Amino acid sequence: MLDVTAEVAAIRADYGPDEHRALAVYSDVHVALEEAGLHPYVETRGGLAICAFADDGTLFVVACEDALPFDRWAPGALAGWHLSHVPEDGPAPAWRCVVYDSLPPHPCHFEVGDLDLRPLVEAATTHLTACSHLREPAGARA
């Protein structure tokens, strides 16, 4: 089984300027996930996201329509949160659960969805108790 604490420590040890910049911009997201018992880190490969391992080694990914913007506070830059749950960090996970989505229905209209982190974190912790993929036998998830 993956030692998520060691994995996150190794990821954080390799942070470069982009990850440190993103951590400064999204420190509230990082702290909220950590306070919920998850193990967050900044991901910049393929676009900015805040990821967090659950204790079982599965991964939550916080993004927006696509990647999170580095300039979070620019008008219209961050329209809402999109939270997904996947089995591992990779381009084509075996399964993906959309856990929370506060994006407006028509992002082209420059609307902003709910940016409150409480419902996002509550959705993540509630999802861990209900995700059908976590009840599958280990071989079925491979």
N, C-alpha and C. Protein backbone atom coordinates (compact mmCIF):
# COMPACT_ATOMS: atom_id res chain seq x y z
N MET A 1 0.85 -1.19 0.00
CA MET A 1 0.00 0.00 0.00
C MET A 1 0.88 1.24 0.00
N LEU A 2 0.45 2.27 -0.67
CA LEU A 2 1.17 3.52 -0.80
C LEU A 2 1.25 4.25 0.55
N ASP A 3 2.44 4.68 0.91
CA ASP A 3 2.62 5.51 2.10
C ASP A 3 2.39 6.95 1.66
N VAL A 4 1.17 7.44 1.84
CA VAL A 4 0.80 8.75 1.30
C VAL A 4 1.58 9.89 1.95
N THR A 5 1.91 9.76 3.21
CA THR A 5 2.67 10.80 3.89
C THR A 5 4.05 10.93 3.26
N ALA A 6 4.72 9.82 3.03
CA ALA A 6 6.04 9.84 2.40
C ALA A 6 5.95 10.32 0.95
N GLU A 7 4.93 9.88 0.25
CA GLU A 7 4.75 10.29 -1.15
C GLU A 7 4.57 11.80 -1.26
N VAL A 8 3.71 12.36 -0.42
CA VAL A 8 3.48 13.81 -0.45
C VAL A 8 4.74 14.57 -0.03
N ALA A 9 5.44 14.07 0.95
CA ALA A 9 6.69 14.72 1.37
C ALA A 9 7.70 14.75 0.22
N ALA A 10 7.79 13.66 -0.54
CA ALA A 10 8.70 13.61 -1.68
C ALA A 10 8.27 14.58 -2.77
N ILE A 11 6.99 14.64 -3.03
CA ILE A 11 6.48 15.58 -4.05
C ILE A 11 6.78 17.01 -3.64
N ARG A 12 6.48 17.34 -2.39
CA ARG A 12 6.70 18.71 -1.91
C ARG A 12 8.18 19.07 -1.91
N ALA A 13 9.06 18.09 -1.65
CA ALA A 13 10.50 18.35 -1.65
C ALA A 13 11.01 18.74 -3.03
N ASP A 14 10.29 18.32 -4.08
CA ASP A 14 10.68 18.64 -5.45
C ASP A 14 10.01 19.88 -6.01
N TYR A 15 9.29 20.63 -5.18
CA TYR A 15 8.63 21.84 -5.66
C TYR A 15 9.65 22.80 -6.26
N GLY A 16 9.26 23.38 -7.39
CA GLY A 16 10.04 24.43 -8.02
C GLY A 16 9.30 25.75 -7.88
N PRO A 17 9.72 26.76 -8.63
CA PRO A 17 9.09 28.08 -8.52
C PRO A 17 7.59 28.07 -8.82
N ASP A 18 7.16 27.31 -9.83
CA ASP A 18 5.73 27.28 -10.17
C ASP A 18 4.90 26.69 -9.04
N GLU A 19 5.37 25.63 -8.43
CA GLU A 19 4.63 25.01 -7.33
C GLU A 19 4.57 25.93 -6.11
N HIS A 20 5.67 26.59 -5.81
CA HIS A 20 5.66 27.53 -4.68
C HIS A 20 4.73 28.70 -4.94
N ARG A 21 4.72 29.19 -6.16
CA ARG A 21 3.82 30.29 -6.53
C ARG A 21 2.36 29.83 -6.39
N ALA A 22 2.06 28.65 -6.91
CA ALA A 22 0.70 28.11 -6.82
C ALA A 22 0.29 27.88 -5.37
N LEU A 23 1.20 27.40 -4.56
CA LEU A 23 0.90 27.16 -3.15
C LEU A 23 0.55 28.47 -2.45
N ALA A 24 1.23 29.55 -2.81
CA ALA A 24 0.90 30.85 -2.23
C ALA A 24 -0.49 31.30 -2.64
N VAL A 25 -0.87 31.04 -3.88
CA VAL A 25 -2.16 31.47 -4.40
C VAL A 25 -3.30 30.62 -3.84
N TYR A 26 -3.07 29.32 -3.67
CA TYR A 26 -4.12 28.40 -3.25
C TYR A 26 -3.86 27.78 -1.87
N SER A 27 -3.21 28.55 -1.00
CA SER A 27 -2.91 28.04 0.34
C SER A 27 -4.18 27.71 1.11
N ASP A 28 -5.26 28.45 0.89
CA ASP A 28 -6.52 28.17 1.59
C ASP A 28 -7.09 26.81 1.20
N VAL A 29 -6.96 26.44 -0.07
CA VAL A 29 -7.42 25.13 -0.52
C VAL A 29 -6.56 24.04 0.10
N HIS A 30 -5.26 24.25 0.07
CA HIS A 30 -4.31 23.30 0.64
C HIS A 30 -4.60 23.06 2.12
N VAL A 31 -4.77 24.13 2.87
CA VAL A 31 -5.03 24.03 4.31
C VAL A 31 -6.36 23.34 4.58
N ALA A 32 -7.40 23.69 3.82
CA ALA A 32 -8.72 23.09 4.04
C ALA A 32 -8.68 21.58 3.81
N LEU A 33 -7.98 21.14 2.78
CA LEU A 33 -7.87 19.70 2.51
C LEU A 33 -7.05 19.00 3.60
N GLU A 34 -5.99 19.64 4.03
CA GLU A 34 -5.16 19.07 5.09
C GLU A 34 -5.93 18.96 6.40
N GLU A 35 -6.69 19.99 6.73
CA GLU A 35 -7.49 19.96 7.96
C GLU A 35 -8.57 18.88 7.91
N ALA A 36 -8.96 18.48 6.71
CA ALA A 36 -9.97 17.41 6.55
C ALA A 36 -9.34 16.02 6.61
N GLY A 37 -8.04 15.95 6.85
CA GLY A 37 -7.36 14.66 6.96
C GLY A 37 -6.81 14.13 5.65
N LEU A 38 -6.85 14.95 4.61
CA LEU A 38 -6.27 14.55 3.33
C LEU A 38 -4.83 15.03 3.26
N HIS A 39 -4.11 14.62 2.24
CA HIS A 39 -2.69 14.91 2.12
C HIS A 39 -2.46 15.67 0.81
N PRO A 40 -2.57 17.02 0.85
CA PRO A 40 -2.54 17.81 -0.38
C PRO A 40 -1.14 18.14 -0.88
N TYR A 41 -1.08 18.41 -2.16
CA TYR A 41 0.13 18.90 -2.81
C TYR A 41 -0.27 19.64 -4.08
N VAL A 42 0.65 20.41 -4.61
CA VAL A 42 0.43 21.17 -5.83
C VAL A 42 0.92 20.35 -7.01
N GLU A 43 0.11 20.31 -8.05
CA GLU A 43 0.45 19.60 -9.28
C GLU A 43 0.48 20.61 -10.42
N THR A 44 1.57 20.63 -11.19
CA THR A 44 1.66 21.56 -12.32
C THR A 44 1.89 20.85 -13.66
N ARG A 45 2.05 19.55 -13.65
CA ARG A 45 2.21 18.82 -14.93
C ARG A 45 0.88 18.85 -15.66
N GLY A 46 0.86 19.37 -16.86
CA GLY A 46 -0.37 19.41 -17.64
C GLY A 46 -1.35 20.46 -17.20
N GLY A 47 -0.96 21.37 -16.35
CA GLY A 47 -1.85 22.41 -15.85
C GLY A 47 -1.91 22.37 -14.34
N LEU A 48 -2.26 23.47 -13.76
CA LEU A 48 -2.27 23.61 -12.30
C LEU A 48 -3.50 22.96 -11.68
N ALA A 49 -3.27 22.15 -10.65
CA ALA A 49 -4.34 21.56 -9.84
C ALA A 49 -3.81 21.41 -8.42
N ILE A 50 -4.73 21.37 -7.48
CA ILE A 50 -4.38 21.01 -6.11
C ILE A 50 -4.88 19.58 -5.94
N CYS A 51 -3.97 18.69 -5.64
CA CYS A 51 -4.31 17.28 -5.48
C CYS A 51 -4.18 16.91 -4.01
N ALA A 52 -4.88 15.86 -3.61
CA ALA A 52 -4.78 15.41 -2.22
C ALA A 52 -5.01 13.90 -2.17
N PHE A 53 -4.06 13.20 -1.60
CA PHE A 53 -4.22 11.77 -1.39
C PHE A 53 -5.14 11.52 -0.21
N ALA A 54 -6.01 10.55 -0.35
CA ALA A 54 -6.74 10.01 0.79
C ALA A 54 -5.83 8.97 1.43
N ASP A 55 -6.13 8.56 2.63
CA ASP A 55 -5.28 7.58 3.32
C ASP A 55 -5.16 6.27 2.55
N ASP A 56 -6.17 5.94 1.74
CA ASP A 56 -6.13 4.69 0.99
C ASP A 56 -5.31 4.78 -0.29
N GLY A 57 -4.73 5.94 -0.58
CA GLY A 57 -3.89 6.12 -1.76
C GLY A 57 -4.61 6.64 -2.98
N THR A 58 -5.94 6.75 -2.92
CA THR A 58 -6.66 7.36 -4.03
C THR A 58 -6.45 8.87 -3.97
N LEU A 59 -6.87 9.55 -5.03
CA LEU A 59 -6.49 10.94 -5.18
C LEU A 59 -7.69 11.82 -5.49
N PHE A 60 -7.75 12.96 -4.83
CA PHE A 60 -8.71 14.00 -5.16
C PHE A 60 -7.97 15.07 -5.97
N VAL A 61 -8.65 15.60 -6.98
CA VAL A 61 -8.06 16.63 -7.83
C VAL A 61 -9.00 17.84 -7.84
N VAL A 62 -8.49 18.98 -7.39
CA VAL A 62 -9.25 20.23 -7.41
C VAL A 62 -8.78 21.05 -8.60
N ALA A 63 -9.72 21.38 -9.47
CA ALA A 63 -9.42 22.18 -10.65
C ALA A 63 -10.57 23.15 -10.89
N CYS A 64 -10.64 23.68 -12.08
CA CYS A 64 -11.72 24.59 -12.48
C CYS A 64 -12.34 23.98 -13.73
N GLU A 65 -12.59 24.76 -14.77
CA GLU A 65 -13.08 24.17 -16.02
C GLU A 65 -12.04 23.20 -16.56
N ASP A 66 -10.81 23.56 -16.40
CA ASP A 66 -9.67 22.73 -16.82
C ASP A 66 -8.66 22.85 -15.69
N ALA A 67 -7.57 23.53 -15.92
CA ALA A 67 -6.58 23.76 -14.87
C ALA A 67 -6.95 25.01 -14.08
N LEU A 68 -6.44 25.08 -12.87
CA LEU A 68 -6.63 26.28 -12.06
C LEU A 68 -5.78 27.41 -12.63
N PRO A 69 -6.27 28.64 -12.57
CA PRO A 69 -5.48 29.76 -13.06
C PRO A 69 -4.45 30.19 -12.01
N PHE A 70 -3.26 30.56 -12.46
CA PHE A 70 -2.27 31.10 -11.54
C PHE A 70 -2.71 32.46 -11.03
N ASP A 71 -3.40 33.21 -11.85
CA ASP A 71 -3.89 34.53 -11.46
C ASP A 71 -5.34 34.38 -10.98
N ARG A 72 -5.50 33.76 -9.85
CA ARG A 72 -6.80 33.43 -9.30
C ARG A 72 -7.73 34.63 -9.13
N TRP A 73 -7.17 35.79 -8.83
CA TRP A 73 -7.99 36.95 -8.48
C TRP A 73 -8.32 37.84 -9.67
N ALA A 74 -7.84 37.49 -10.85
CA ALA A 74 -8.21 38.27 -12.04
C ALA A 74 -9.71 38.08 -12.31
N PRO A 75 -10.40 39.11 -12.76
CA PRO A 75 -11.85 38.97 -13.03
C PRO A 75 -12.14 37.81 -13.98
N GLY A 76 -13.01 36.92 -13.54
CA GLY A 76 -13.43 35.78 -14.35
C GLY A 76 -12.43 34.65 -14.44
N ALA A 77 -11.30 34.74 -13.74
CA ALA A 77 -10.26 33.71 -13.85
C ALA A 77 -10.68 32.39 -13.20
N LEU A 78 -11.27 32.46 -12.02
CA LEU A 78 -11.69 31.26 -11.30
C LEU A 78 -13.21 31.29 -11.19
N ALA A 79 -13.86 30.43 -11.97
CA ALA A 79 -15.32 30.46 -12.05
C ALA A 79 -16.00 29.55 -11.03
N GLY A 80 -15.25 28.65 -10.42
CA GLY A 80 -15.82 27.70 -9.46
C GLY A 80 -14.85 26.55 -9.28
N TRP A 81 -15.26 25.57 -8.47
CA TRP A 81 -14.42 24.41 -8.19
C TRP A 81 -14.96 23.17 -8.91
N HIS A 82 -14.05 22.33 -9.35
CA HIS A 82 -14.40 21.02 -9.89
C HIS A 82 -13.52 20.03 -9.14
N LEU A 83 -14.14 19.11 -8.41
CA LEU A 83 -13.42 18.13 -7.61
C LEU A 83 -13.71 16.74 -8.14
N SER A 84 -12.65 16.03 -8.48
CA SER A 84 -12.82 14.64 -8.92
C SER A 84 -12.00 13.72 -8.02
N HIS A 85 -12.37 12.46 -8.04
CA HIS A 85 -11.72 11.42 -7.25
C HIS A 85 -11.28 10.34 -8.23
N VAL A 86 -10.00 9.99 -8.21
CA VAL A 86 -9.44 9.02 -9.14
C VAL A 86 -8.57 8.03 -8.38
N PRO A 87 -8.29 6.87 -8.98
CA PRO A 87 -7.50 5.88 -8.27
C PRO A 87 -6.01 6.22 -8.17
N GLU A 88 -5.49 7.00 -9.14
CA GLU A 88 -4.08 7.33 -9.14
C GLU A 88 -3.85 8.56 -10.00
N ASP A 89 -2.64 9.11 -9.88
CA ASP A 89 -2.25 10.27 -10.66
C ASP A 89 -1.77 9.78 -12.03
N GLY A 90 -2.56 10.02 -13.04
CA GLY A 90 -2.17 9.61 -14.38
C GLY A 90 -3.14 10.15 -15.41
N PRO A 91 -2.79 10.05 -16.68
CA PRO A 91 -3.62 10.65 -17.73
C PRO A 91 -4.93 9.92 -18.00
N ALA A 92 -5.01 8.63 -17.74
CA ALA A 92 -6.23 7.87 -18.05
C ALA A 92 -6.57 6.92 -16.90
N PRO A 93 -7.12 7.46 -15.81
CA PRO A 93 -7.42 6.58 -14.67
C PRO A 93 -8.51 5.57 -15.02
N ALA A 94 -8.48 4.45 -14.32
CA ALA A 94 -9.46 3.38 -14.55
C ALA A 94 -10.88 3.83 -14.25
N TRP A 95 -11.03 4.77 -13.34
CA TRP A 95 -12.34 5.34 -13.01
C TRP A 95 -12.16 6.77 -12.54
N ARG A 96 -13.22 7.53 -12.62
CA ARG A 96 -13.21 8.92 -12.17
C ARG A 96 -14.60 9.25 -11.63
N CYS A 97 -14.64 9.77 -10.42
CA CYS A 97 -15.90 10.22 -9.82
C CYS A 97 -15.87 11.74 -9.75
N VAL A 98 -16.89 12.38 -10.28
CA VAL A 98 -17.03 13.82 -10.08
C VAL A 98 -17.71 13.98 -8.73
N VAL A 99 -17.01 14.57 -7.80
CA VAL A 99 -17.46 14.65 -6.42
C VAL A 99 -18.17 15.97 -6.13
N TYR A 100 -17.70 17.03 -6.73
CA TYR A 100 -18.26 18.35 -6.46
C TYR A 100 -17.99 19.23 -7.68
N ASP A 101 -18.97 20.03 -8.04
CA ASP A 101 -18.80 20.94 -9.17
C ASP A 101 -19.62 22.20 -8.90
N SER A 102 -18.93 23.29 -8.63
CA SER A 102 -19.63 24.56 -8.38
C SER A 102 -19.47 25.52 -9.56
N LEU A 103 -19.06 24.98 -10.70
CA LEU A 103 -18.93 25.83 -11.89
C LEU A 103 -20.31 26.24 -12.37
N PRO A 104 -20.44 27.45 -12.86
CA PRO A 104 -21.74 27.89 -13.38
C PRO A 104 -22.09 27.06 -14.62
N PRO A 105 -23.39 26.95 -14.91
CA PRO A 105 -23.80 26.12 -16.05
C PRO A 105 -23.32 26.66 -17.39
N HIS A 106 -23.09 27.94 -17.49
CA HIS A 106 -22.65 28.56 -18.74
C HIS A 106 -21.44 29.44 -18.48
N PRO A 107 -20.24 28.84 -18.37
CA PRO A 107 -19.06 29.65 -18.04
C PRO A 107 -18.74 30.71 -19.08
N CYS A 108 -19.26 30.58 -20.28
CA CYS A 108 -19.00 31.59 -21.31
C CYS A 108 -19.69 32.92 -20.99
N HIS A 109 -20.63 32.90 -20.07
CA HIS A 109 -21.33 34.13 -19.69
C HIS A 109 -20.64 34.87 -18.56
N PHE A 110 -19.44 34.43 -18.22
CA PHE A 110 -18.61 35.08 -17.19
C PHE A 110 -19.28 35.11 -15.82
N GLU A 111 -20.06 34.09 -15.55
CA GLU A 111 -20.65 33.95 -14.22
C GLU A 111 -19.61 33.32 -13.30
N VAL A 112 -19.80 33.47 -12.02
CA VAL A 112 -18.93 32.83 -11.04
C VAL A 112 -19.79 31.93 -10.17
N GLY A 113 -19.33 30.69 -9.99
CA GLY A 113 -20.02 29.76 -9.12
C GLY A 113 -19.59 29.95 -7.67
N ASP A 114 -19.98 29.02 -6.84
CA ASP A 114 -19.66 29.07 -5.41
C ASP A 114 -18.18 28.76 -5.21
N LEU A 115 -17.46 29.65 -4.57
CA LEU A 115 -16.04 29.45 -4.30
C LEU A 115 -15.77 29.12 -2.83
N ASP A 116 -16.82 28.89 -2.06
CA ASP A 116 -16.68 28.50 -0.66
C ASP A 116 -16.05 27.11 -0.61
N LEU A 117 -15.04 26.94 0.22
CA LEU A 117 -14.35 25.65 0.30
C LEU A 117 -15.05 24.64 1.19
N ARG A 118 -15.92 25.08 2.10
CA ARG A 118 -16.58 24.15 3.01
C ARG A 118 -17.36 23.06 2.27
N PRO A 119 -18.22 23.40 1.30
CA PRO A 119 -18.95 22.34 0.62
C PRO A 119 -18.04 21.41 -0.19
N LEU A 120 -16.96 21.96 -0.72
CA LEU A 120 -16.01 21.13 -1.47
C LEU A 120 -15.38 20.09 -0.55
N VAL A 121 -14.90 20.52 0.60
CA VAL A 121 -14.25 19.61 1.54
C VAL A 121 -15.27 18.61 2.10
N GLU A 122 -16.46 19.08 2.43
CA GLU A 122 -17.50 18.16 2.92
C GLU A 122 -17.85 17.11 1.88
N ALA A 123 -17.90 17.52 0.62
CA ALA A 123 -18.20 16.57 -0.46
C ALA A 123 -17.10 15.52 -0.55
N ALA A 124 -15.85 15.92 -0.39
CA ALA A 124 -14.74 14.96 -0.46
C ALA A 124 -14.82 13.95 0.67
N THR A 125 -15.00 14.43 1.89
CA THR A 125 -15.01 13.50 3.03
C THR A 125 -16.24 12.60 3.01
N THR A 126 -17.37 13.12 2.59
CA THR A 126 -18.58 12.30 2.47
C THR A 126 -18.40 11.26 1.36
N HIS A 127 -17.81 11.67 0.27
CA HIS A 127 -17.61 10.75 -0.86
C HIS A 127 -16.76 9.55 -0.47
N LEU A 128 -15.76 9.76 0.37
CA LEU A 128 -14.90 8.64 0.78
C LEU A 128 -15.67 7.54 1.50
N THR A 129 -16.75 7.89 2.13
CA THR A 129 -17.55 6.86 2.83
C THR A 129 -18.53 6.17 1.90
N ALA A 130 -18.74 6.75 0.70
CA ALA A 130 -19.77 6.21 -0.19
C ALA A 130 -19.27 5.73 -1.54
N CYS A 131 -18.04 5.99 -1.90
CA CYS A 131 -17.54 5.66 -3.24
C CYS A 131 -17.56 4.16 -3.48
N SER A 132 -18.30 3.75 -4.48
CA SER A 132 -18.42 2.32 -4.78
C SER A 132 -17.11 1.72 -5.25
N HIS A 133 -16.23 2.52 -5.83
CA HIS A 133 -14.94 2.01 -6.30
C HIS A 133 -14.05 1.57 -5.14
N LEU A 134 -14.23 2.16 -3.99
CA LEU A 134 -13.40 1.80 -2.84
C LEU A 134 -13.84 0.51 -2.20
N ARG A 135 -15.03 0.03 -2.56
CA ARG A 135 -15.52 -1.24 -2.02
C ARG A 135 -15.21 -2.40 -2.95
N GLU A 136 -14.63 -2.12 -4.13
CA GLU A 136 -14.28 -3.18 -5.06
C GLU A 136 -13.06 -3.92 -4.54
N PRO A 137 -12.96 -5.20 -4.82
CA PRO A 137 -11.74 -5.93 -4.45
C PRO A 137 -10.53 -5.30 -5.12
N ALA A 138 -9.38 -5.36 -4.47
CA ALA A 138 -8.17 -4.69 -4.97
C ALA A 138 -7.86 -5.11 -6.41
N GLY A 139 -8.01 -6.35 -6.77
CA GLY A 139 -7.72 -6.80 -8.13
C GLY A 139 -8.65 -6.20 -9.15
N ALA A 140 -9.86 -5.88 -8.77
CA ALA A 140 -10.85 -5.31 -9.71
C ALA A 140 -10.51 -3.87 -10.05
N ARG A 141 -9.73 -3.18 -9.18
CA ARG A 141 -9.36 -1.79 -9.43
C ARG A 141 -8.14 -1.69 -10.32
N ALA A 142 -7.42 -2.73 -10.53
CA ALA A 142 -6.18 -2.68 -11.32
C ALA A 142 -6.44 -2.47 -12.78
